[in-house]
N, C-alpha and C. Protein backbone atom coordinates (compact mmCIF):
# COMPACT_ATOMS: atom_id res chain seq x y z
N VAL A 1 199.34 -10.33 -55.22
CA VAL A 1 198.53 -9.62 -56.22
C VAL A 1 199.43 -8.69 -57.02
N GLN A 2 199.40 -8.85 -58.34
CA GLN A 2 200.15 -7.95 -59.20
C GLN A 2 199.23 -7.45 -60.30
N LEU A 3 199.20 -6.13 -60.46
CA LEU A 3 198.37 -5.49 -61.48
C LEU A 3 199.26 -4.52 -62.24
N VAL A 4 199.35 -4.69 -63.55
CA VAL A 4 200.22 -3.86 -64.37
C VAL A 4 199.41 -3.22 -65.48
N GLU A 5 199.23 -1.91 -65.37
CA GLU A 5 198.47 -1.16 -66.35
C GLU A 5 199.35 -0.69 -67.50
N SER A 6 198.74 -0.57 -68.66
CA SER A 6 199.44 -0.05 -69.84
C SER A 6 198.42 0.55 -70.79
N GLY A 7 198.92 1.27 -71.80
CA GLY A 7 198.06 1.80 -72.84
C GLY A 7 197.78 3.28 -72.75
N GLY A 8 198.26 3.92 -71.71
CA GLY A 8 198.04 5.35 -71.59
C GLY A 8 198.88 6.13 -72.58
N GLY A 9 198.66 7.44 -72.60
CA GLY A 9 199.42 8.29 -73.49
C GLY A 9 198.80 9.65 -73.65
N LEU A 10 199.32 10.39 -74.61
CA LEU A 10 198.81 11.72 -74.93
C LEU A 10 197.87 11.61 -76.12
N VAL A 11 196.68 12.14 -75.99
CA VAL A 11 195.70 12.07 -77.07
C VAL A 11 194.95 13.39 -77.16
N GLN A 12 194.52 13.75 -78.35
CA GLN A 12 193.76 14.97 -78.53
C GLN A 12 192.32 14.79 -78.08
N PRO A 13 191.66 15.86 -77.70
CA PRO A 13 190.24 15.76 -77.35
C PRO A 13 189.45 15.11 -78.48
N GLY A 14 188.56 14.21 -78.10
CA GLY A 14 187.80 13.46 -79.08
C GLY A 14 188.44 12.15 -79.48
N GLY A 15 189.67 11.95 -79.08
CA GLY A 15 190.38 10.74 -79.43
C GLY A 15 190.03 9.55 -78.56
N SER A 16 190.73 8.44 -78.82
CA SER A 16 190.46 7.20 -78.11
C SER A 16 191.75 6.56 -77.61
N LEU A 17 191.61 5.81 -76.55
CA LEU A 17 192.69 4.99 -76.02
C LEU A 17 192.09 3.72 -75.46
N ARG A 18 192.87 2.66 -75.46
CA ARG A 18 192.47 1.42 -74.78
C ARG A 18 193.51 1.09 -73.73
N LEU A 19 193.08 1.05 -72.50
CA LEU A 19 193.95 0.68 -71.40
C LEU A 19 193.85 -0.82 -71.15
N SER A 20 194.95 -1.41 -70.72
CA SER A 20 194.99 -2.82 -70.36
C SER A 20 195.56 -2.95 -68.96
N CYS A 21 195.16 -4.01 -68.29
CA CYS A 21 195.68 -4.32 -66.97
C CYS A 21 195.95 -5.82 -66.91
N ALA A 22 197.21 -6.18 -66.85
CA ALA A 22 197.59 -7.58 -66.75
C ALA A 22 197.63 -7.97 -65.28
N ALA A 23 196.86 -8.99 -64.93
CA ALA A 23 196.72 -9.38 -63.54
C ALA A 23 197.36 -10.74 -63.28
N SER A 24 197.91 -10.90 -62.08
CA SER A 24 198.48 -12.17 -61.69
C SER A 24 198.51 -12.26 -60.16
N GLY A 25 198.68 -13.48 -59.67
CA GLY A 25 198.81 -13.68 -58.24
C GLY A 25 197.51 -13.86 -57.49
N PHE A 26 196.41 -13.93 -58.22
CA PHE A 26 195.11 -14.16 -57.58
C PHE A 26 194.17 -14.73 -58.65
N PRO A 27 193.04 -15.30 -58.22
CA PRO A 27 192.12 -15.90 -59.20
C PRO A 27 191.33 -14.85 -59.95
N PHE A 28 191.91 -14.36 -61.04
CA PHE A 28 191.32 -13.26 -61.79
C PHE A 28 189.91 -13.58 -62.26
N SER A 29 189.71 -14.80 -62.73
CA SER A 29 188.44 -15.14 -63.37
C SER A 29 187.25 -15.09 -62.42
N ILE A 30 187.48 -15.08 -61.12
CA ILE A 30 186.37 -15.00 -60.17
C ILE A 30 186.41 -13.70 -59.37
N SER A 31 187.20 -12.75 -59.83
CA SER A 31 187.37 -11.49 -59.10
C SER A 31 186.68 -10.32 -59.78
N PRO A 32 185.81 -9.62 -59.07
CA PRO A 32 185.32 -8.34 -59.61
C PRO A 32 186.49 -7.39 -59.75
N MET A 33 186.46 -6.58 -60.80
CA MET A 33 187.57 -5.67 -61.06
C MET A 33 187.03 -4.27 -61.34
N SER A 34 187.88 -3.29 -61.11
CA SER A 34 187.49 -1.90 -61.31
C SER A 34 188.62 -1.10 -61.93
N TRP A 35 188.24 0.02 -62.50
CA TRP A 35 189.18 1.06 -62.89
C TRP A 35 188.88 2.29 -62.03
N VAL A 36 189.93 2.91 -61.54
CA VAL A 36 189.82 4.18 -60.84
C VAL A 36 190.83 5.13 -61.45
N ARG A 37 190.67 6.41 -61.20
CA ARG A 37 191.61 7.39 -61.74
C ARG A 37 191.88 8.48 -60.72
N GLN A 38 192.99 9.14 -60.89
CA GLN A 38 193.35 10.24 -60.01
C GLN A 38 193.90 11.37 -60.85
N ALA A 39 193.16 12.46 -60.88
CA ALA A 39 193.60 13.65 -61.59
C ALA A 39 194.58 14.41 -60.71
N PRO A 40 195.42 15.24 -61.32
CA PRO A 40 196.39 16.01 -60.54
C PRO A 40 195.72 16.82 -59.44
N GLY A 41 196.21 16.66 -58.22
CA GLY A 41 195.69 17.44 -57.11
C GLY A 41 194.36 16.98 -56.55
N LYS A 42 193.86 15.84 -57.05
CA LYS A 42 192.56 15.34 -56.58
C LYS A 42 192.68 13.94 -56.03
N GLY A 43 191.62 13.49 -55.37
CA GLY A 43 191.60 12.15 -54.84
C GLY A 43 191.26 11.12 -55.90
N HIS A 44 191.28 9.86 -55.51
CA HIS A 44 190.93 8.79 -56.44
C HIS A 44 189.43 8.83 -56.75
N GLU A 45 189.11 8.63 -58.00
CA GLU A 45 187.73 8.63 -58.47
C GLU A 45 187.43 7.28 -59.12
N TRP A 46 186.39 6.62 -58.65
CA TRP A 46 185.96 5.38 -59.29
C TRP A 46 185.45 5.68 -60.69
N VAL A 47 185.85 4.84 -61.65
CA VAL A 47 185.46 5.02 -63.04
C VAL A 47 184.47 3.95 -63.51
N SER A 48 184.83 2.68 -63.25
CA SER A 48 184.00 1.61 -63.78
C SER A 48 184.31 0.30 -63.07
N SER A 49 183.34 -0.60 -63.04
CA SER A 49 183.52 -1.91 -62.44
C SER A 49 182.87 -2.98 -63.30
N ILE A 50 183.38 -4.20 -63.17
CA ILE A 50 182.84 -5.32 -63.93
C ILE A 50 182.87 -6.56 -63.06
N ASP A 51 181.84 -7.38 -63.15
CA ASP A 51 181.81 -8.62 -62.37
C ASP A 51 182.58 -9.70 -63.12
N PRO A 52 182.85 -10.83 -62.48
CA PRO A 52 183.70 -11.85 -63.10
C PRO A 52 183.16 -12.40 -64.43
N LEU A 53 181.86 -12.49 -64.58
CA LEU A 53 181.28 -13.07 -65.79
C LEU A 53 180.83 -12.03 -66.81
N CYS A 54 181.20 -10.77 -66.57
CA CYS A 54 180.87 -9.68 -67.49
C CYS A 54 179.36 -9.46 -67.63
N THR A 55 178.60 -9.87 -66.65
CA THR A 55 177.16 -9.67 -66.73
C THR A 55 176.73 -8.32 -66.19
N THR A 56 177.55 -7.73 -65.36
CA THR A 56 177.23 -6.43 -64.77
C THR A 56 178.41 -5.49 -64.95
N LYS A 57 178.14 -4.35 -65.57
CA LYS A 57 179.15 -3.32 -65.75
C LYS A 57 178.55 -2.01 -65.25
N ASN A 58 179.32 -1.30 -64.48
CA ASN A 58 178.85 -0.03 -63.95
C ASN A 58 179.86 1.07 -64.30
N TYR A 59 179.33 2.27 -64.49
CA TYR A 59 180.17 3.39 -64.91
C TYR A 59 179.83 4.64 -64.11
N ALA A 60 180.85 5.44 -63.86
CA ALA A 60 180.60 6.77 -63.30
C ALA A 60 179.84 7.59 -64.33
N ASN A 61 179.00 8.48 -63.86
CA ASN A 61 178.23 9.32 -64.77
C ASN A 61 179.13 10.10 -65.72
N SER A 62 180.29 10.46 -65.25
CA SER A 62 181.20 11.30 -66.05
C SER A 62 181.76 10.57 -67.27
N VAL A 63 181.68 9.23 -67.28
CA VAL A 63 182.26 8.48 -68.39
C VAL A 63 181.22 7.62 -69.11
N LYS A 64 180.02 7.57 -68.59
CA LYS A 64 178.98 6.72 -69.16
C LYS A 64 178.72 7.10 -70.61
N GLY A 65 178.67 6.08 -71.47
CA GLY A 65 178.44 6.32 -72.89
C GLY A 65 179.70 6.56 -73.68
N ARG A 66 180.82 6.78 -72.99
CA ARG A 66 182.10 7.03 -73.67
C ARG A 66 183.12 5.92 -73.39
N PHE A 67 183.08 5.36 -72.21
CA PHE A 67 184.04 4.33 -71.80
C PHE A 67 183.33 2.97 -71.76
N THR A 68 184.09 1.93 -72.06
CA THR A 68 183.59 0.55 -71.98
C THR A 68 184.61 -0.31 -71.25
N ILE A 69 184.16 -0.98 -70.22
CA ILE A 69 185.02 -1.90 -69.49
C ILE A 69 184.76 -3.32 -69.99
N PHE A 70 185.82 -4.09 -70.14
CA PHE A 70 185.66 -5.50 -70.49
C PHE A 70 186.88 -6.27 -70.02
N ARG A 71 186.79 -7.57 -70.10
CA ARG A 71 187.86 -8.41 -69.58
C ARG A 71 187.99 -9.68 -70.40
N ASP A 72 189.18 -10.25 -70.34
CA ASP A 72 189.45 -11.55 -70.95
C ASP A 72 189.97 -12.44 -69.85
N ASN A 73 189.11 -13.28 -69.31
CA ASN A 73 189.51 -14.11 -68.18
C ASN A 73 190.57 -15.14 -68.56
N ALA A 74 190.57 -15.57 -69.81
CA ALA A 74 191.60 -16.53 -70.25
C ALA A 74 192.99 -15.90 -70.24
N LYS A 75 193.04 -14.60 -70.43
CA LYS A 75 194.33 -13.90 -70.44
C LYS A 75 194.58 -13.13 -69.14
N SER A 76 193.64 -13.24 -68.20
CA SER A 76 193.76 -12.49 -66.92
C SER A 76 194.04 -11.02 -67.17
N THR A 77 193.28 -10.45 -68.06
CA THR A 77 193.49 -9.05 -68.45
C THR A 77 192.19 -8.27 -68.41
N LEU A 78 192.28 -7.10 -67.84
CA LEU A 78 191.17 -6.16 -67.77
C LEU A 78 191.44 -5.02 -68.75
N TYR A 79 190.38 -4.51 -69.36
CA TYR A 79 190.53 -3.44 -70.35
C TYR A 79 189.59 -2.28 -70.05
N LEU A 80 189.96 -1.12 -70.57
CA LEU A 80 189.07 0.03 -70.55
C LEU A 80 189.21 0.73 -71.90
N GLN A 81 188.16 0.66 -72.70
CA GLN A 81 188.13 1.37 -73.97
C GLN A 81 187.57 2.75 -73.72
N MET A 82 188.34 3.76 -74.05
CA MET A 82 187.96 5.13 -73.79
C MET A 82 187.82 5.88 -75.11
N ASN A 83 186.61 6.33 -75.40
CA ASN A 83 186.33 7.08 -76.61
C ASN A 83 185.88 8.49 -76.26
N SER A 84 185.89 9.35 -77.26
CA SER A 84 185.45 10.75 -77.07
C SER A 84 186.10 11.38 -75.85
N LEU A 85 187.39 11.22 -75.75
CA LEU A 85 188.10 11.70 -74.57
C LEU A 85 188.04 13.21 -74.45
N LYS A 86 187.99 13.66 -73.21
CA LYS A 86 187.90 15.08 -72.88
C LYS A 86 189.11 15.47 -72.02
N PRO A 87 189.46 16.73 -72.02
CA PRO A 87 190.58 17.16 -71.16
C PRO A 87 190.37 16.78 -69.70
N GLU A 88 189.13 16.77 -69.25
CA GLU A 88 188.87 16.41 -67.85
C GLU A 88 189.06 14.93 -67.57
N ASP A 89 189.32 14.13 -68.59
CA ASP A 89 189.66 12.73 -68.38
C ASP A 89 191.15 12.55 -68.06
N THR A 90 191.91 13.61 -68.14
CA THR A 90 193.34 13.54 -67.84
C THR A 90 193.53 13.08 -66.40
N ALA A 91 194.28 12.01 -66.24
CA ALA A 91 194.48 11.42 -64.91
C ALA A 91 195.42 10.24 -65.02
N MET A 92 195.86 9.75 -63.87
CA MET A 92 196.51 8.46 -63.79
C MET A 92 195.39 7.44 -63.60
N TYR A 93 195.41 6.41 -64.41
CA TYR A 93 194.39 5.37 -64.36
C TYR A 93 194.96 4.10 -63.75
N TYR A 94 194.19 3.53 -62.83
CA TYR A 94 194.62 2.33 -62.12
C TYR A 94 193.55 1.25 -62.24
N CYS A 95 193.99 0.01 -62.37
CA CYS A 95 193.03 -1.06 -62.18
C CYS A 95 193.11 -1.50 -60.72
N GLN A 96 192.01 -2.02 -60.25
CA GLN A 96 191.89 -2.29 -58.82
C GLN A 96 191.14 -3.58 -58.58
N ARG A 97 191.65 -4.34 -57.64
CA ARG A 97 190.97 -5.52 -57.16
C ARG A 97 190.97 -5.45 -55.65
N GLY A 98 189.80 -5.26 -55.08
CA GLY A 98 189.72 -5.08 -53.64
C GLY A 98 190.50 -3.84 -53.25
N GLY A 99 191.43 -4.00 -52.33
CA GLY A 99 192.24 -2.87 -51.89
C GLY A 99 193.56 -2.73 -52.61
N SER A 100 193.76 -3.49 -53.68
CA SER A 100 195.03 -3.47 -54.39
C SER A 100 194.91 -2.74 -55.72
N ARG A 101 195.91 -1.92 -56.01
CA ARG A 101 195.99 -1.22 -57.29
C ARG A 101 197.37 -1.41 -57.89
N GLY A 102 197.44 -1.23 -59.20
CA GLY A 102 198.74 -1.22 -59.85
C GLY A 102 199.40 0.13 -59.71
N ARG A 103 200.45 0.34 -60.51
CA ARG A 103 201.17 1.61 -60.48
C ARG A 103 200.51 2.66 -61.36
N GLY A 104 199.61 2.22 -62.21
CA GLY A 104 198.86 3.16 -63.02
C GLY A 104 199.48 3.44 -64.38
N THR A 105 198.67 4.02 -65.26
CA THR A 105 199.12 4.47 -66.57
C THR A 105 198.54 5.85 -66.80
N GLN A 106 199.37 6.77 -67.27
CA GLN A 106 198.97 8.17 -67.40
C GLN A 106 198.20 8.39 -68.70
N VAL A 107 197.08 9.06 -68.58
CA VAL A 107 196.30 9.48 -69.73
C VAL A 107 196.23 11.00 -69.72
N THR A 108 196.67 11.60 -70.80
CA THR A 108 196.64 13.05 -70.93
C THR A 108 195.86 13.42 -72.19
N VAL A 109 194.82 14.20 -72.00
CA VAL A 109 193.98 14.63 -73.13
C VAL A 109 194.20 16.13 -73.32
N SER A 110 194.84 16.46 -74.42
CA SER A 110 195.19 17.85 -74.66
C SER A 110 195.44 18.08 -76.14
N SER A 111 195.13 19.28 -76.59
CA SER A 111 195.40 19.64 -77.97
C SER A 111 196.75 20.34 -78.08
C-alpha cells in the first residue's frame, strides 16, 4: 500500500486548497477511503470518508459545508477540496485506507 499526499501549503483564512492522494499497491477502485488530520500537539482527527462508488460521503461537523471529498478511480486518486479555510484547519493531512496512511501534506491557514 502506497499513499502519497500533495497539495498542501500556506493559505490565508477564507482561502482554498485542493489536496490529492495518489494511491497504489491495492485495489483503489473498491476501497473506501478517508482523510484524517493531525494538528500540532493533538491526536489524529477524522475529517471525511467516501465509499468506492462515491455514493456515500461523510464529513466531520467541523468541516461540513466547507470541504468536499471526491475520487477518480481511473486515476487511483483521492481528493479533498477545502474552501473557506480557518486557522483551526491548520494540520498535517493524511489520506487513509484501513490502517494505512501516507506521509501527509501540511496545511497552514494564517494571515
